[in-house]
Amino acid sequence: MELASQQTLPVSQADAWAALNDIALLQSCIPGCESITPTGDNQYEVLVTAAVGPVKAKFKGKLRLDNLQPPQSYTLQFEGQGGAAGHAKGSAEVTLSAVSTQETLLSYTAKAQVGGRIAQIGSRLVDMAAQKMAGDFFTAFSERLKERFPAAAAPVPAVASAGSWWGRLWAAIRRWFGAGR
């Protein structure tokens, strides 16, 4: 299975990097995540309940961050066992690129192999479940970033000055239709 995508995050590159390394924040965003426990430098044990088609299982896994290039990129190595449901193993390349002072583009490419009952379900269902899980993660992650960094998420209002063509047009419309009377 291979999955690649990009997400625009509503924060600076440094804030995005910090958030991607915040265990409590990640745990709250990963669908079905029950725990993330550090086991060493850039190594974690993870417990996640996941459903792939008709197969639902609790997966106990290991994560390791390699090739760290703060605040730009890292490689995430993962493996998990779900008992009779099966197992998964793979890696993901994660890259952060500043779009502006308050926006960061996160790009990732993940490759994984699955075995056991999950593999018997079919690659299309496994791919759909992985895409849904990634989508749910990024929706929650973006929301948490907006809560944590409200100034970064607030849009800059467009002010129509009296000297701009928009300001002059707006003033004329208000005069024509008696706005402000």
C-alpha atoms as a PDB file:
ATOM      1  CA  MET A   1       0.000   0.000   0.000  1.00  0.00           C
ATOM      2  CA  GLU A   2       1.228   3.488  -0.820  1.00  0.00           C
ATOM      3  CA  LEU A   3      -0.373   6.723   0.320  1.00  0.00           C
ATOM      4  CA  ALA A   4       0.790  10.254  -0.509  1.00  0.00           C
ATOM      5  CA  SER A   5      -0.802  13.618   0.139  1.00  0.00           C
ATOM      6  CA  GLN A   6      -0.262  17.230   1.138  1.00  0.00           C
ATOM      7  CA  GLN A   7      -1.994  19.287   3.795  1.00  0.00           C
ATOM      8  CA  THR A   8      -1.800  23.015   4.435  1.00  0.00           C
ATOM      9  CA  LEU A   9      -1.480  23.714   8.147  1.00  0.00           C
ATOM     10  CA  PRO A  10      -2.588  27.091   9.576  1.00  0.00           C
ATOM     11  CA  VAL A  11       0.667  27.726  11.498  1.00  0.00           C
ATOM     12  CA  SER A  12       4.310  28.568  10.959  1.00  0.00           C
ATOM     13  CA  GLN A  13       6.786  25.837  10.085  1.00  0.00           C
ATOM     14  CA  ALA A  14       8.306  25.960  13.593  1.00  0.00           C
ATOM     15  CA  ASP A  15       4.860  25.635  15.224  1.00  0.00           C
ATOM     16  CA  ALA A  16       3.949  22.758  12.882  1.00  0.00           C
ATOM     17  CA  TRP A  17       7.177  20.950  13.799  1.00  0.00           C
ATOM     18  CA  ALA A  18       6.524  21.457  17.521  1.00  0.00           C
ATOM     19  CA  ALA A  19       2.957  20.159  17.157  1.00  0.00           C
ATOM     20  CA  LEU A  20       4.103  17.069  15.236  1.00  0.00           C
ATOM     21  CA  ASN A  21       6.384  16.289  18.180  1.00  0.00           C
ATOM     22  CA  ASP A  22       3.750  16.864  20.890  1.00  0.00           C
ATOM     23  CA  ILE A  23       2.665  13.398  22.053  1.00  0.00           C
ATOM     24  CA  ALA A  24      -0.511  14.554  23.817  1.00  0.00           C
ATOM     25  CA  LEU A  25      -1.612  16.574  20.783  1.00  0.00           C
ATOM     26  CA  LEU A  26      -0.947  13.682  18.394  1.00  0.00           C
ATOM     27  CA  GLN A  27      -2.767  11.205  20.635  1.00  0.00           C
ATOM     28  CA  SER A  28      -5.838  13.442  20.640  1.00  0.00           C
ATOM     29  CA  CYS A  29      -5.809  13.600  16.815  1.00  0.00           C
ATOM     30  CA  ILE A  30      -5.092   9.998  15.811  1.00  0.00           C
ATOM     31  CA  PRO A  31      -8.411   8.160  15.376  1.00  0.00           C
ATOM     32  CA  GLY A  32      -8.708   5.318  17.893  1.00  0.00           C
ATOM     33  CA  CYS A  33      -5.417   6.139  19.618  1.00  0.00           C
ATOM     34  CA  GLU A  34      -5.474   5.029  23.242  1.00  0.00           C
ATOM     35  CA  SER A  35      -1.867   5.769  24.142  1.00  0.00           C
ATOM     36  CA  ILE A  36       1.519   6.915  22.911  1.00  0.00           C
ATOM     37  CA  THR A  37       4.322   6.069  25.331  1.00  0.00           C
ATOM     38  CA  PRO A  38       7.957   7.127  24.877  1.00  0.00           C
ATOM     39  CA  THR A  39      10.337   4.149  25.075  1.00  0.00           C
ATOM     40  CA  GLY A  40      13.600   5.896  24.135  1.00  0.00           C
ATOM     41  CA  ASP A  41      14.972   8.739  22.062  1.00  0.00           C
ATOM     42  CA  ASN A  42      12.439   9.295  19.262  1.00  0.00           C
ATOM     43  CA  GLN A  43      10.882   5.876  19.918  1.00  0.00           C
ATOM     44  CA  TYR A  44       7.330   5.197  21.058  1.00  0.00           C
ATOM     45  CA  GLU A  45       4.895   2.421  21.817  1.00  0.00           C
ATOM     46  CA  VAL A  46       1.409   3.052  20.472  1.00  0.00           C
ATOM     47  CA  LEU A  47      -1.952   1.426  21.175  1.00  0.00           C
ATOM     48  CA  VAL A  48      -4.637   2.076  18.527  1.00  0.00           C
ATOM     49  CA  THR A  49      -8.050   0.546  17.868  1.00  0.00           C
ATOM     50  CA  ALA A  50      -8.726   0.513  14.145  1.00  0.00           C
ATOM     51  CA  ALA A  51     -11.354  -0.902  11.809  1.00  0.00           C
ATOM     52  CA  VAL A  52     -10.634  -1.989   8.261  1.00  0.00           C
ATOM     53  CA  GLY A  53     -13.829  -3.115   6.608  1.00  0.00           C
ATOM     54  CA  PRO A  54     -15.382  -5.769   8.843  1.00  0.00           C
ATOM     55  CA  VAL A  55     -12.147  -6.315  10.813  1.00  0.00           C
ATOM     56  CA  LYS A  56     -11.780  -4.292  14.013  1.00  0.00           C
ATOM     57  CA  ALA A  57      -8.784  -4.803  16.255  1.00  0.00           C
ATOM     58  CA  LYS A  58      -6.556  -3.238  18.855  1.00  0.00           C
ATOM     59  CA  PHE A  59      -3.088  -2.758  17.412  1.00  0.00           C
ATOM     60  CA  LYS A  60      -0.022  -2.511  19.592  1.00  0.00           C
ATOM     61  CA  GLY A  61       2.781  -0.919  17.676  1.00  0.00           C
ATOM     62  CA  LYS A  62       6.154   0.719  17.689  1.00  0.00           C
ATOM     63  CA  LEU A  63       7.072   4.059  16.110  1.00  0.00           C
ATOM     64  CA  ARG A  64      10.541   5.405  15.509  1.00  0.00           C
ATOM     65  CA  LEU A  65      11.543   8.787  14.099  1.00  0.00           C
ATOM     66  CA  ASP A  66      14.678   8.744  11.924  1.00  0.00           C
ATOM     67  CA  ASN A  67      16.554  11.212   9.722  1.00  0.00           C
ATOM     68  CA  LEU A  68      15.333  14.191  11.762  1.00  0.00           C
ATOM     69  CA  GLN A  69      15.984  17.535  10.048  1.00  0.00           C
ATOM     70  CA  PRO A  70      14.198  20.052  12.343  1.00  0.00           C
ATOM     71  CA  PRO A  71      11.966  21.852  11.363  1.00  0.00           C
ATOM     72  CA  GLN A  72      11.847  20.410   7.839  1.00  0.00           C
ATOM     73  CA  SER A  73      11.554  16.619   7.727  1.00  0.00           C
ATOM     74  CA  TYR A  74      11.806  13.181   9.268  1.00  0.00           C
ATOM     75  CA  THR A  75      11.141   9.554   8.484  1.00  0.00           C
ATOM     76  CA  LEU A  76       8.591   7.661  10.563  1.00  0.00           C
ATOM     77  CA  GLN A  77       9.119   3.888  10.847  1.00  0.00           C
ATOM     78  CA  PHE A  78       6.182   1.874  12.190  1.00  0.00           C
ATOM     79  CA  GLU A  79       5.063  -1.659  12.852  1.00  0.00           C
ATOM     80  CA  GLY A  80       2.006  -3.007  14.613  1.00  0.00           C
ATOM     81  CA  GLN A  81       0.414  -6.282  15.651  1.00  0.00           C
ATOM     82  CA  GLY A  82      -3.332  -6.723  15.869  1.00  0.00           C
ATOM     83  CA  GLY A  83      -3.476 -10.347  16.986  1.00  0.00           C
ATOM     84  CA  ALA A  84      -5.686 -12.468  14.738  1.00  0.00           C
ATOM     85  CA  ALA A  85      -6.606  -9.356  12.696  1.00  0.00           C
ATOM     86  CA  GLY A  86      -3.116  -9.130  11.291  1.00  0.00           C
ATOM     87  CA  HIS A  87      -0.115  -6.884  11.244  1.00  0.00           C
ATOM     88  CA  ALA A  88       1.315  -3.850   9.465  1.00  0.00           C
ATOM     89  CA  LYS A  89       4.787  -2.511   8.870  1.00  0.00           C
ATOM     90  CA  GLY A  90       6.024   0.483   6.942  1.00  0.00           C
ATOM     91  CA  SER A  91       7.463   3.962   6.808  1.00  0.00           C
ATOM     92  CA  ALA A  92       6.453   7.516   6.005  1.00  0.00           C
ATOM     93  CA  GLU A  93       8.520  10.440   4.744  1.00  0.00           C
ATOM     94  CA  VAL A  94       7.201  13.698   6.232  1.00  0.00           C
ATOM     95  CA  THR A  95       8.290  17.118   4.936  1.00  0.00           C
ATOM     96  CA  LEU A  96       7.327  20.605   6.116  1.00  0.00           C
ATOM     97  CA  SER A  97       7.694  23.635   3.825  1.00  0.00           C
ATOM     98  CA  ALA A  98       6.892  27.204   4.812  1.00  0.00           C
ATOM     99  CA  VAL A  99       4.225  28.711   2.566  1.00  0.00           C
ATOM    100  CA  SER A 100       4.109  31.974   4.516  1.00  0.00           C
ATOM    101  CA  THR A 101       4.797  33.091   8.064  1.00  0.00           C
ATOM    102  CA  GLN A 102       1.485  31.537   9.148  1.00  0.00           C
ATOM    103  CA  GLU A 103       1.061  28.592   6.756  1.00  0.00           C
ATOM    104  CA  THR A 104       3.023  25.393   6.306  1.00  0.00           C
ATOM    105  CA  LEU A 105       2.676  22.702   3.671  1.00  0.00           C
ATOM    106  CA  LEU A 106       3.004  19.197   5.095  1.00  0.00           C
ATOM    107  CA  SER A 107       3.772  16.548   2.464  1.00  0.00           C
ATOM    108  CA  TYR A 108       3.976  12.850   3.168  1.00  0.00           C
ATOM    109  CA  THR A 109       4.485   9.572   1.382  1.00  0.00           C
ATOM    110  CA  ALA A 110       3.721   6.398   3.312  1.00  0.00           C
ATOM    111  CA  LYS A 111       4.426   2.824   2.296  1.00  0.00           C
ATOM    112  CA  ALA A 112       3.102  -0.137   4.259  1.00  0.00           C
ATOM    113  CA  GLN A 113       2.700  -3.860   4.034  1.00  0.00           C
ATOM    114  CA  VAL A 114      -0.173  -5.608   5.788  1.00  0.00           C
ATOM    115  CA  GLY A 115      -0.706  -9.266   6.571  1.00  0.00           C
ATOM    116  CA  GLY A 116      -3.247 -11.547   8.204  1.00  0.00           C
ATOM    117  CA  ARG A 117      -7.004 -11.021   7.990  1.00  0.00           C
ATOM    118  CA  ILE A 118      -6.511  -7.377   7.037  1.00  0.00           C
ATOM    119  CA  ALA A 119      -4.600  -8.398   3.905  1.00  0.00           C
ATOM    120  CA  GLN A 120      -7.402 -10.811   2.980  1.00  0.00           C
ATOM    121  CA  ILE A 121      -9.941  -7.962   2.919  1.00  0.00           C
ATOM    122  CA  GLY A 122      -8.435  -6.518  -0.213  1.00  0.00           C
ATOM    123  CA  SER A 123      -6.153  -3.643  -1.012  1.00  0.00           C
ATOM    124  CA  ARG A 124      -8.970  -1.295  -2.041  1.00  0.00           C
ATOM    125  CA  LEU A 125     -10.656  -1.479   1.377  1.00  0.00           C
ATOM    126  CA  VAL A 126      -7.298  -1.188   3.162  1.00  0.00           C
ATOM    127  CA  ASP A 127      -6.411   1.886   1.062  1.00  0.00           C
ATOM    128  CA  MET A 128      -9.815   3.477   1.730  1.00  0.00           C
ATOM    129  CA  ALA A 129      -9.482   2.864   5.489  1.00  0.00           C
ATOM    130  CA  ALA A 130      -5.968   4.373   5.499  1.00  0.00           C
ATOM    131  CA  GLN A 131      -7.129   7.434   3.537  1.00  0.00           C
ATOM    132  CA  LYS A 132     -10.086   7.936   5.890  1.00  0.00           C
ATOM    133  CA  MET A 133      -7.854   7.630   8.944  1.00  0.00           C
ATOM    134  CA  ALA A 134      -5.374  10.148   7.461  1.00  0.00           C
ATOM    135  CA  GLY A 135      -8.211  12.545   6.588  1.00  0.00           C
ATOM    136  CA  ASP A 136      -9.695  12.293  10.081  1.00  0.00           C
ATOM    137  CA  PHE A 137      -6.246  12.867  11.603  1.00  0.00           C
ATOM    138  CA  PHE A 138      -5.557  16.008   9.562  1.00  0.00           C
ATOM    139  CA  THR A 139      -9.022  17.439  10.221  1.00  0.00           C
ATOM    140  CA  ALA A 140      -8.521  17.022  13.977  1.00  0.00           C
ATOM    141  CA  PHE A 141      -4.879  18.177  13.785  1.00  0.00           C
ATOM    142  CA  SER A 142      -5.797  21.401  11.957  1.00  0.00           C
ATOM    143  CA  GLU A 143      -8.561  22.111  14.484  1.00  0.00           C
ATOM    144  CA  ARG A 144      -6.177  21.602  17.422  1.00  0.00           C
ATOM    145  CA  LEU A 145      -3.627  23.891  15.761  1.00  0.00           C
ATOM    146  CA  LYS A 146      -6.277  26.604  15.380  1.00  0.00           C
ATOM    147  CA  GLU A 147      -7.154  26.234  19.080  1.00  0.00           C
ATOM    148  CA  ARG A 148      -3.517  26.287  20.186  1.00  0.00           C
ATOM    149  CA  PHE A 149      -2.431  29.121  17.877  1.00  0.00           C
ATOM    150  CA  PRO A 150      -5.570  31.297  17.448  1.00  0.00           C
ATOM    151  CA  ALA A 151      -3.642  34.338  16.203  1.00  0.00           C
ATOM    152  CA  ALA A 152      -2.132  32.265  13.409  1.00  0.00           C
ATOM    153  CA  ALA A 153      -5.509  30.881  12.346  1.00  0.00           C
ATOM    154  CA  ALA A 154      -7.338  34.227  12.324  1.00  0.00           C
ATOM    155  CA  PRO A 155      -7.779  35.581   8.811  1.00  0.00           C
ATOM    156  CA  VAL A 156      -6.419  39.045   8.156  1.00  0.00           C
ATOM    157  CA  PRO A 157      -9.431  41.239   7.361  1.00  0.00           C
ATOM    158  CA  ALA A 158      -9.385  43.076   4.067  1.00  0.00           C
ATOM    159  CA  VAL A 159      -9.882  46.743   4.807  1.00  0.00           C
ATOM    160  CA  ALA A 160     -11.305  48.864   2.025  1.00  0.00           C
ATOM    161  CA  SER A 161      -9.569  52.176   2.252  1.00  0.00           C
ATOM    162  CA  ALA A 162     -11.291  55.250   0.862  1.00  0.00           C
ATOM    163  CA  GLY A 163      -8.439  55.656  -1.651  1.00  0.00           C
ATOM    164  CA  SER A 164      -8.773  52.196  -3.186  1.00  0.00           C
ATOM    165  CA  TRP A 165     -11.111  51.456  -6.086  1.00  0.00           C
ATOM    166  CA  TRP A 166     -12.998  49.036  -3.833  1.00  0.00           C
ATOM    167  CA  GLY A 167     -13.367  51.688  -1.131  1.00  0.00           C
ATOM    168  CA  ARG A 168     -14.641  54.268  -3.639  1.00  0.00           C
ATOM    169  CA  LEU A 169     -17.099  51.732  -5.142  1.00  0.00           C
ATOM    170  CA  TRP A 170     -18.364  50.768  -1.686  1.00  0.00           C
ATOM    171  CA  ALA A 171     -18.846  54.442  -0.736  1.00  0.00           C
ATOM    172  CA  ALA A 172     -20.791  55.066  -3.976  1.00  0.00           C
ATOM    173  CA  ILE A 173     -23.063  52.070  -3.371  1.00  0.00           C
ATOM    174  CA  ARG A 174     -23.761  53.241   0.151  1.00  0.00           C
ATOM    175  CA  ARG A 175     -24.642  56.719  -1.157  1.00  0.00           C
ATOM    176  CA  TRP A 176     -26.887  55.366  -3.945  1.00  0.00           C
ATOM    177  CA  PHE A 177     -28.844  53.099  -1.663  1.00  0.00           C
ATOM    178  CA  GLY A 178     -28.909  55.386   1.351  1.00  0.00           C
ATOM    179  CA  ALA A 179     -26.869  53.180   3.633  1.00  0.00           C
ATOM    180  CA  GLY A 180     -26.245  54.740   6.977  1.00  0.00           C
ATOM    181  CA  ARG A 181     -29.452  56.800   7.018  1.00  0.00           C
END
